[in-house]
Amino acid sequence: MAEEVVPMTMSHQDADIQRALRGLEHGDSSVRLRAALAVGTTPDPRLVDKLVERCAIEPEFYVREMLTWALTRHPASVTVPKLVDELRPERAARRRGGPAAGRAERTRARSQALHTLSKIGDGRAWPAITRELLTDPDDEVARSAWRAAVVLVPEGEEPGLAGVLATQLGRGGRETQLSLSRALIALGEVSTPVLRAATTDPDPRVRQHAIATQRLADDPDAGFEFAIEEAKRVVALGRTSQEG
């Protein structure tokens, strides 16, 4: 008599993993949101790869934030190396889609990985915050790198970080400039010398941004718009005095 073949059954835990994987890839963003919440509520290291992958391609901001939260619920020893790996330029070459899609995905992947590393706050990620990232031509990536750097910078490395950040003064629009100002202010007194030096920079945009950052540090309640307008007047008056 032939031996009876007993069909293999999936354990409850494996079934939960498969359900979570399907949910994270669902076409409905509300389903993806609930799936990310469920994964964060009951962390499982086997889902970390999928969470990181979804962060790189998830189009909805609030879902990406939930994915980030879910990653923070897992051990840093598991998540940090995978997130650091997302920062490597060659990762973009392995992503699907045309050149434009690749650039968009690379930007999202790197900025979200940096954002998540800042939320985890594990110092082992600091070596990955390179000068190239801090000066990245993409504003979204650079802003995320600035925020992560301020959180992750080891004691004693703050002056060097302030010096690199100061090279970006005058860059971009108001959102980018405010982000940089906040990063420099968060570093505290170590930013004072580089800001003072930048107030005499030949580029008026750099001077304005440095003065506005000083104003904002002195009076956070004044707001960045007011600080910028004040800085413009200071720069304009200085230029007029020199011409006179």
Protein backbone atom coordinates (compact mmCIF):
# COMPACT_ATOMS: atom_id res chain seq x y z
CA MET A 1 0.00 0.00 0.00
CA ALA A 2 1.41 3.38 -0.99
CA GLU A 3 2.46 5.70 1.83
CA GLU A 4 -0.02 8.46 2.45
CA VAL A 5 1.31 11.93 1.61
CA VAL A 6 0.40 14.41 4.28
CA PRO A 7 0.19 17.95 2.87
CA MET A 8 2.47 20.46 4.55
CA THR A 9 0.65 23.16 6.44
CA MET A 10 1.89 26.67 7.09
CA SER A 11 2.37 27.69 10.72
CA HIS A 12 0.43 30.61 12.11
CA GLN A 13 3.63 32.63 12.30
CA ASP A 14 4.51 31.96 8.67
CA ALA A 15 0.96 32.81 7.65
CA ASP A 16 1.27 36.13 9.48
CA ILE A 17 4.50 36.88 7.61
CA GLN A 18 2.89 36.14 4.25
CA ARG A 19 -0.11 38.28 5.15
CA ALA A 20 2.14 41.15 6.13
CA LEU A 21 4.15 40.88 2.90
CA ARG A 22 0.99 41.01 0.83
CA GLY A 23 -0.32 43.94 2.83
CA LEU A 24 2.87 45.97 2.39
CA GLU A 25 2.60 45.55 -1.38
CA HIS A 26 -1.15 46.13 -1.64
CA GLY A 27 -2.44 48.65 -4.18
CA ASP A 28 -4.51 50.47 -1.53
CA SER A 29 -2.38 52.84 0.58
CA SER A 30 -4.67 52.40 3.60
CA VAL A 31 -4.00 48.65 3.51
CA ARG A 32 -0.25 49.29 3.30
CA LEU A 33 -0.54 51.66 6.25
CA ARG A 34 -2.32 49.06 8.39
CA ALA A 35 0.20 46.42 7.37
CA ALA A 36 3.14 48.64 8.40
CA LEU A 37 1.41 49.39 11.71
CA ALA A 38 0.89 45.67 12.33
CA VAL A 39 4.54 44.89 11.56
CA GLY A 40 5.72 47.58 13.95
CA THR A 41 3.33 46.42 16.64
CA THR A 42 4.63 42.87 16.41
CA PRO A 43 8.21 43.16 15.09
CA ASP A 44 9.76 40.28 13.18
CA PRO A 45 13.33 40.56 11.79
CA ARG A 46 12.28 38.53 8.75
CA LEU A 47 10.27 41.55 7.57
CA VAL A 48 13.07 44.11 7.83
CA ASP A 49 14.20 43.63 4.22
CA LYS A 50 10.68 44.24 2.96
CA LEU A 51 10.25 47.32 5.14
CA VAL A 52 13.48 48.83 3.81
CA GLU A 53 12.50 47.96 0.24
CA ARG A 54 9.09 49.57 0.63
CA CYS A 55 10.61 52.73 2.12
CA ALA A 56 12.54 53.16 -1.12
CA ILE A 57 9.50 53.00 -3.38
CA GLU A 58 6.47 53.93 -1.24
CA PRO A 59 4.80 56.99 -2.84
CA GLU A 60 2.65 58.05 0.15
CA PHE A 61 4.35 60.14 2.83
CA TYR A 62 2.23 58.91 5.74
CA VAL A 63 2.85 55.28 4.77
CA ARG A 64 6.61 55.92 4.56
CA GLU A 65 6.47 57.41 8.05
CA MET A 66 4.74 54.29 9.33
CA LEU A 67 7.33 52.11 7.62
CA THR A 68 10.05 54.13 9.34
CA TRP A 69 8.31 53.70 12.68
CA ALA A 70 8.06 49.95 12.08
CA LEU A 71 11.80 49.81 11.39
CA THR A 72 12.57 51.66 14.63
CA ARG A 73 10.72 48.89 16.46
CA HIS A 74 13.26 46.29 15.30
CA PRO A 75 16.77 45.80 16.71
CA ALA A 76 19.25 48.41 15.45
CA SER A 77 21.79 45.65 14.90
CA VAL A 78 19.48 44.33 12.16
CA THR A 79 18.14 47.55 10.66
CA VAL A 80 21.16 49.88 10.65
CA PRO A 81 23.37 47.84 8.28
CA LYS A 82 20.52 47.46 5.80
CA LEU A 83 19.66 51.16 5.90
CA VAL A 84 23.32 52.12 5.50
CA ASP A 85 23.44 49.86 2.46
CA GLU A 86 20.65 51.96 0.91
CA LEU A 87 22.97 54.98 0.93
CA ARG A 88 25.49 53.42 -1.45
CA PRO A 89 25.28 54.91 -4.98
CA GLU A 90 25.46 51.52 -6.65
CA ARG A 91 22.12 50.57 -5.10
CA ALA A 92 20.40 52.69 -7.76
CA ALA A 93 21.80 50.53 -10.52
CA ARG A 94 20.02 47.51 -9.11
CA ARG A 95 16.61 49.13 -9.00
CA ARG A 96 14.10 48.48 -11.75
CA GLY A 97 12.78 51.12 -14.13
CA GLY A 98 14.22 53.60 -16.60
CA PRO A 99 16.80 56.28 -15.83
CA ALA A 100 14.22 58.75 -14.54
CA ALA A 101 12.57 56.14 -12.33
CA GLY A 102 16.00 55.11 -11.08
CA ARG A 103 16.88 58.66 -10.08
CA ALA A 104 13.56 59.17 -8.32
CA GLU A 105 13.85 55.88 -6.47
CA ARG A 106 17.44 56.55 -5.51
CA THR A 107 16.49 59.93 -4.06
CA ARG A 108 13.58 58.49 -2.12
CA ALA A 109 15.58 55.48 -0.94
CA ARG A 110 18.50 57.54 0.32
CA SER A 111 16.46 60.31 1.91
CA GLN A 112 14.14 57.86 3.67
CA ALA A 113 17.05 55.70 4.83
CA LEU A 114 18.73 58.80 6.29
CA HIS A 115 15.46 59.87 7.90
CA THR A 116 15.03 56.43 9.46
CA LEU A 117 18.63 56.35 10.70
CA SER A 118 18.02 59.69 12.41
CA LYS A 119 14.95 58.22 14.12
CA ILE A 120 16.85 55.12 15.25
CA GLY A 121 19.70 57.29 16.50
CA ASP A 122 22.32 54.54 16.58
CA GLY A 123 25.86 55.96 16.43
CA ARG A 124 27.09 53.04 14.37
CA ALA A 125 25.53 54.75 11.35
CA TRP A 126 27.72 57.85 11.69
CA PRO A 127 30.53 56.68 9.34
CA ALA A 128 27.95 56.43 6.56
CA ILE A 129 27.12 60.15 6.83
CA THR A 130 29.81 61.23 4.41
CA ARG A 131 30.72 64.66 3.10
CA GLU A 132 29.30 63.53 -0.25
CA LEU A 133 25.89 62.98 1.35
CA LEU A 134 26.03 66.26 3.28
CA THR A 135 26.74 68.11 0.05
CA ASP A 136 24.58 65.96 -2.23
CA PRO A 137 23.21 67.95 -5.18
CA ASP A 138 19.70 66.69 -4.46
CA ASP A 139 18.15 68.97 -1.82
CA GLU A 140 15.94 66.24 -0.38
CA VAL A 141 18.89 63.92 0.20
CA ALA A 142 21.05 66.73 1.61
CA ARG A 143 18.34 67.88 4.04
CA SER A 144 17.87 64.34 5.31
CA ALA A 145 21.64 63.97 5.69
CA TRP A 146 21.86 67.21 7.70
CA ARG A 147 19.15 66.07 10.09
CA ALA A 148 20.69 62.63 10.51
CA ALA A 149 24.18 64.05 11.01
CA VAL A 150 23.09 66.31 13.86
CA VAL A 151 21.53 63.34 15.64
CA LEU A 152 24.35 60.87 15.01
CA VAL A 153 27.49 63.04 15.30
CA PRO A 154 29.84 61.68 18.01
CA GLU A 155 31.16 63.91 20.74
CA GLY A 156 34.14 65.88 19.47
CA GLU A 157 33.12 65.69 15.81
CA GLU A 158 30.70 68.61 15.97
CA PRO A 159 33.13 71.34 14.81
CA GLY A 160 34.05 69.37 11.70
CA LEU A 161 30.40 68.77 10.91
CA ALA A 162 29.61 72.48 11.38
CA GLY A 163 32.40 73.31 8.94
CA VAL A 164 30.96 71.03 6.27
CA LEU A 165 27.42 72.30 6.81
CA ALA A 166 28.62 75.90 6.52
CA THR A 167 29.77 75.18 2.96
CA GLN A 168 26.09 74.79 2.06
CA LEU A 169 24.98 78.23 3.29
CA GLY A 170 23.07 80.13 0.63
CA ARG A 171 21.95 76.95 -1.08
CA GLY A 172 18.44 76.30 -2.38
CA GLY A 173 15.05 77.74 -1.46
CA ARG A 174 13.57 78.69 1.88
CA GLU A 175 12.77 75.11 2.94
CA THR A 176 16.33 73.96 2.27
CA GLN A 177 17.85 77.02 3.93
CA LEU A 178 15.66 76.66 7.00
CA SER A 179 16.63 72.99 7.30
CA LEU A 180 20.32 73.89 7.19
CA SER A 181 19.86 76.71 9.70
CA ARG A 182 18.13 74.35 12.11
CA ALA A 183 20.96 71.83 11.77
CA LEU A 184 23.60 74.46 12.48
CA ILE A 185 21.64 75.83 15.43
CA ALA A 186 21.18 72.31 16.83
CA LEU A 187 24.98 71.92 16.94
CA GLY A 188 25.16 74.82 19.38
CA GLU A 189 28.18 77.01 20.04
CA VAL A 190 30.44 75.11 17.63
CA SER A 191 28.55 76.74 14.78
CA THR A 192 29.29 80.28 15.97
CA PRO A 193 32.76 80.62 14.36
CA VAL A 194 31.68 79.28 10.95
CA LEU A 195 28.58 81.46 10.90
CA ARG A 196 30.61 84.51 11.87
CA ALA A 197 33.07 83.78 9.07
CA ALA A 198 30.23 83.30 6.58
CA THR A 199 28.82 86.77 7.30
CA THR A 200 31.79 88.21 5.38
CA ASP A 201 31.55 85.78 2.44
CA PRO A 202 31.74 87.40 -1.03
CA ASP A 203 28.44 85.75 -1.99
CA PRO A 204 25.49 87.84 -0.71
CA ARG A 205 23.26 84.75 -0.48
CA VAL A 206 25.77 83.11 1.85
CA ARG A 207 25.99 86.27 3.97
CA GLN A 208 22.21 86.57 4.15
CA HIS A 209 21.78 82.93 5.16
CA ALA A 210 24.49 83.13 7.82
CA ILE A 211 23.03 86.31 9.33
CA ALA A 212 19.51 84.86 9.24
CA THR A 213 20.75 81.72 11.02
CA GLN A 214 22.36 83.86 13.73
CA ARG A 215 19.12 85.85 14.10
CA LEU A 216 17.06 82.67 14.33
CA ALA A 217 19.43 81.21 16.95
CA ASP A 218 19.12 84.38 19.04
CA ASP A 219 15.34 84.63 18.68
CA PRO A 220 13.68 81.35 17.61
CA ASP A 221 10.21 82.87 18.02
CA ALA A 222 10.88 85.49 15.34
CA GLY A 223 10.62 82.92 12.57
CA PHE A 224 12.84 82.24 9.58
CA GLU A 225 11.04 84.55 7.14
CA PHE A 226 11.56 87.50 9.45
CA ALA A 227 15.20 86.50 10.00
CA ILE A 228 15.83 86.31 6.24
CA GLU A 229 14.23 89.70 5.58
CA GLU A 230 16.30 91.24 8.37
CA ALA A 231 19.42 89.60 6.95
CA LYS A 232 18.67 91.00 3.49
CA ARG A 233 18.47 94.50 4.94
CA VAL A 234 21.75 94.04 6.80
CA VAL A 235 23.50 92.81 3.66
CA ALA A 236 22.01 95.61 1.56
CA LEU A 237 23.05 98.26 4.07
CA GLY A 238 26.54 96.80 4.19
CA ARG A 239 26.79 96.91 0.42
CA THR A 240 25.54 100.49 0.36
CA SER A 241 28.11 101.51 2.97
CA GLN A 242 30.90 99.92 0.94
CA GLU A 243 29.75 101.69 -2.22
CA GLY A 244 29.55 104.97 -0.36
